[in-house]
Amino acid sequence: MTFLKTRCKLKKELTPQDYERLASLSTVYGIRGLDIEGQGLIVEYDASRLHEAEVLAKVRKAGIDAAPPKPIPEGAFDQTGQFHDYAWPIEGLSPVNQKS
């Protein structure tokens, strides 16, 4: 398990109904905790279960108007911090990677 924290910018002040919606995120598999600091929402999550973009999507689906502090690229970062697009395999046993 790899636990990470991501920060989302809240676009408006939270209402009591928003806090109830945030409470529903505690039941999402992979989200470990939430914290609010000023206009920011900090979400602690298990990176082996969720990608940062999925965390933001779960927050928005709960009805919270939030945005990432910077654009989230597709794919993921490996343990060295290098970005890889995992949407399409470029090596391994996939038939498209076999030489004819």
C-alpha atoms as a PDB file:
ATOM      1  CA  MET A   1       0.000   0.000   0.000  1.00  0.00           C
ATOM      2  CA  THR A   2       1.203   3.459  -0.880  1.00  0.00           C
ATOM      3  CA  PHE A   3      -0.485   6.302   0.933  1.00  0.00           C
ATOM      4  CA  LEU A   4      -0.418   9.720  -0.724  1.00  0.00           C
ATOM      5  CA  LYS A   5      -2.088  13.058  -0.136  1.00  0.00           C
ATOM      6  CA  THR A   6      -3.496  15.300  -2.823  1.00  0.00           C
ATOM      7  CA  ARG A   7      -4.807  18.832  -2.495  1.00  0.00           C
ATOM      8  CA  CYS A   8      -7.891  20.142  -4.289  1.00  0.00           C
ATOM      9  CA  LYS A   9      -8.841  23.807  -4.480  1.00  0.00           C
ATOM     10  CA  LEU A  10     -12.385  24.441  -3.286  1.00  0.00           C
ATOM     11  CA  LYS A  11     -14.168  26.844  -5.611  1.00  0.00           C
ATOM     12  CA  LYS A  12     -16.651  28.028  -2.966  1.00  0.00           C
ATOM     13  CA  GLU A  13     -17.241  27.986   0.759  1.00  0.00           C
ATOM     14  CA  LEU A  14     -18.536  24.675   2.070  1.00  0.00           C
ATOM     15  CA  THR A  15     -22.103  24.495   3.332  1.00  0.00           C
ATOM     16  CA  PRO A  16     -23.403  22.045   5.956  1.00  0.00           C
ATOM     17  CA  GLN A  17     -24.746  19.896   3.090  1.00  0.00           C
ATOM     18  CA  ASP A  18     -21.248  19.853   1.541  1.00  0.00           C
ATOM     19  CA  TYR A  19     -19.817  18.513   4.795  1.00  0.00           C
ATOM     20  CA  GLU A  20     -22.390  15.707   4.702  1.00  0.00           C
ATOM     21  CA  ARG A  21     -21.369  14.932   1.129  1.00  0.00           C
ATOM     22  CA  LEU A  22     -17.719  14.871   2.178  1.00  0.00           C
ATOM     23  CA  ALA A  23     -18.586  12.391   4.915  1.00  0.00           C
ATOM     24  CA  SER A  24     -19.869  10.027   2.228  1.00  0.00           C
ATOM     25  CA  LEU A  25     -16.342   9.906   0.748  1.00  0.00           C
ATOM     26  CA  SER A  26     -15.141   8.032   3.832  1.00  0.00           C
ATOM     27  CA  THR A  27     -16.891   4.924   2.455  1.00  0.00           C
ATOM     28  CA  VAL A  28     -15.000   5.016  -0.873  1.00  0.00           C
ATOM     29  CA  TYR A  29     -12.508   2.144  -1.082  1.00  0.00           C
ATOM     30  CA  GLY A  30      -9.016   3.637  -1.138  1.00  0.00           C
ATOM     31  CA  ILE A  31      -9.773   7.010   0.474  1.00  0.00           C
ATOM     32  CA  ARG A  32      -8.284   7.094   3.968  1.00  0.00           C
ATOM     33  CA  GLY A  33      -8.977  10.599   5.217  1.00  0.00           C
ATOM     34  CA  LEU A  34     -10.014  14.168   4.497  1.00  0.00           C
ATOM     35  CA  ASP A  35      -8.784  17.464   5.881  1.00  0.00           C
ATOM     36  CA  ILE A  36      -9.777  21.055   5.120  1.00  0.00           C
ATOM     37  CA  GLU A  37      -7.217  23.862   5.226  1.00  0.00           C
ATOM     38  CA  GLY A  38      -8.557  27.242   4.176  1.00  0.00           C
ATOM     39  CA  GLN A  39      -9.749  26.917   0.576  1.00  0.00           C
ATOM     40  CA  GLY A  40      -8.065  23.552   0.147  1.00  0.00           C
ATOM     41  CA  LEU A  41      -9.321  20.001   0.605  1.00  0.00           C
ATOM     42  CA  ILE A  42      -6.599  17.463   1.380  1.00  0.00           C
ATOM     43  CA  VAL A  43      -7.464  13.857   0.580  1.00  0.00           C
ATOM     44  CA  GLU A  44      -5.290  11.002   1.815  1.00  0.00           C
ATOM     45  CA  TYR A  45      -5.662   7.947  -0.418  1.00  0.00           C
ATOM     46  CA  ASP A  46      -4.125   4.593  -1.245  1.00  0.00           C
ATOM     47  CA  ALA A  47      -2.283   5.018  -4.543  1.00  0.00           C
ATOM     48  CA  SER A  48      -2.338   1.268  -5.145  1.00  0.00           C
ATOM     49  CA  ARG A  49      -6.146   1.501  -5.313  1.00  0.00           C
ATOM     50  CA  LEU A  50      -6.836   4.939  -6.843  1.00  0.00           C
ATOM     51  CA  HIS A  51      -5.141   7.385  -9.197  1.00  0.00           C
ATOM     52  CA  GLU A  52      -5.089  11.065  -8.265  1.00  0.00           C
ATOM     53  CA  ALA A  53      -7.550  11.850 -11.081  1.00  0.00           C
ATOM     54  CA  GLU A  54      -9.970   9.228  -9.698  1.00  0.00           C
ATOM     55  CA  VAL A  55      -9.814  10.865  -6.271  1.00  0.00           C
ATOM     56  CA  LEU A  56     -10.762  14.220  -7.782  1.00  0.00           C
ATOM     57  CA  ALA A  57     -13.573  12.539  -9.742  1.00  0.00           C
ATOM     58  CA  LYS A  58     -14.938  10.996  -6.519  1.00  0.00           C
ATOM     59  CA  VAL A  59     -14.867  14.409  -4.807  1.00  0.00           C
ATOM     60  CA  ARG A  60     -16.729  16.002  -7.729  1.00  0.00           C
ATOM     61  CA  LYS A  61     -19.215  13.120  -7.893  1.00  0.00           C
ATOM     62  CA  ALA A  62     -19.992  13.764  -4.222  1.00  0.00           C
ATOM     63  CA  GLY A  63     -21.105  17.247  -5.266  1.00  0.00           C
ATOM     64  CA  ILE A  64     -18.079  19.238  -4.121  1.00  0.00           C
ATOM     65  CA  ASP A  65     -16.927  21.877  -6.610  1.00  0.00           C
ATOM     66  CA  ALA A  66     -13.158  21.315  -6.555  1.00  0.00           C
ATOM     67  CA  ALA A  67     -10.213  21.619  -8.918  1.00  0.00           C
ATOM     68  CA  PRO A  68      -6.660  20.266  -8.823  1.00  0.00           C
ATOM     69  CA  PRO A  69      -3.925  22.835  -8.110  1.00  0.00           C
ATOM     70  CA  LYS A  70      -2.297  21.811 -11.426  1.00  0.00           C
ATOM     71  CA  PRO A  71      -3.507  19.632 -14.324  1.00  0.00           C
ATOM     72  CA  ILE A  72      -3.399  15.875 -13.662  1.00  0.00           C
ATOM     73  CA  PRO A  73      -1.772  13.925 -16.496  1.00  0.00           C
ATOM     74  CA  GLU A  74      -3.178  10.615 -17.686  1.00  0.00           C
ATOM     75  CA  GLY A  75      -1.204   7.557 -16.616  1.00  0.00           C
ATOM     76  CA  ALA A  76       0.864   7.364 -13.463  1.00  0.00           C
ATOM     77  CA  PHE A  77       4.244   8.005 -11.916  1.00  0.00           C
ATOM     78  CA  ASP A  78       6.531   5.131 -11.024  1.00  0.00           C
ATOM     79  CA  GLN A  79       8.596   4.848  -7.833  1.00  0.00           C
ATOM     80  CA  THR A  80      11.378   6.980  -9.345  1.00  0.00           C
ATOM     81  CA  GLY A  81       8.987   9.848 -10.071  1.00  0.00           C
ATOM     82  CA  GLN A  82       9.103   9.295 -13.844  1.00  0.00           C
ATOM     83  CA  PHE A  83       5.777   9.543 -15.656  1.00  0.00           C
ATOM     84  CA  HIS A  84       4.535   6.575 -17.708  1.00  0.00           C
ATOM     85  CA  ASP A  85       1.334   6.308 -19.707  1.00  0.00           C
ATOM     86  CA  TYR A  86      -0.038   2.934 -18.652  1.00  0.00           C
ATOM     87  CA  ALA A  87      -3.005   3.130 -21.003  1.00  0.00           C
ATOM     88  CA  TRP A  88      -1.202   1.093 -23.661  1.00  0.00           C
ATOM     89  CA  PRO A  89       1.460  -1.578 -23.001  1.00  0.00           C
ATOM     90  CA  ILE A  90       4.673  -1.063 -24.947  1.00  0.00           C
ATOM     91  CA  GLU A  91       6.413  -4.292 -23.899  1.00  0.00           C
ATOM     92  CA  GLY A  92       5.553  -7.665 -22.459  1.00  0.00           C
ATOM     93  CA  LEU A  93       3.319 -10.503 -23.601  1.00  0.00           C
ATOM     94  CA  SER A  94       0.670  -8.423 -25.343  1.00  0.00           C
ATOM     95  CA  PRO A  95       0.084  -9.684 -28.939  1.00  0.00           C
ATOM     96  CA  VAL A  96       0.690  -6.203 -30.352  1.00  0.00           C
ATOM     97  CA  ASN A  97       4.209  -6.245 -28.922  1.00  0.00           C
ATOM     98  CA  GLN A  98       5.202  -9.534 -30.581  1.00  0.00           C
ATOM     99  CA  LYS A  99       7.393  -9.343 -33.673  1.00  0.00           C
ATOM    100  CA  SER A 100       5.995 -11.130 -36.719  1.00  0.00           C
END
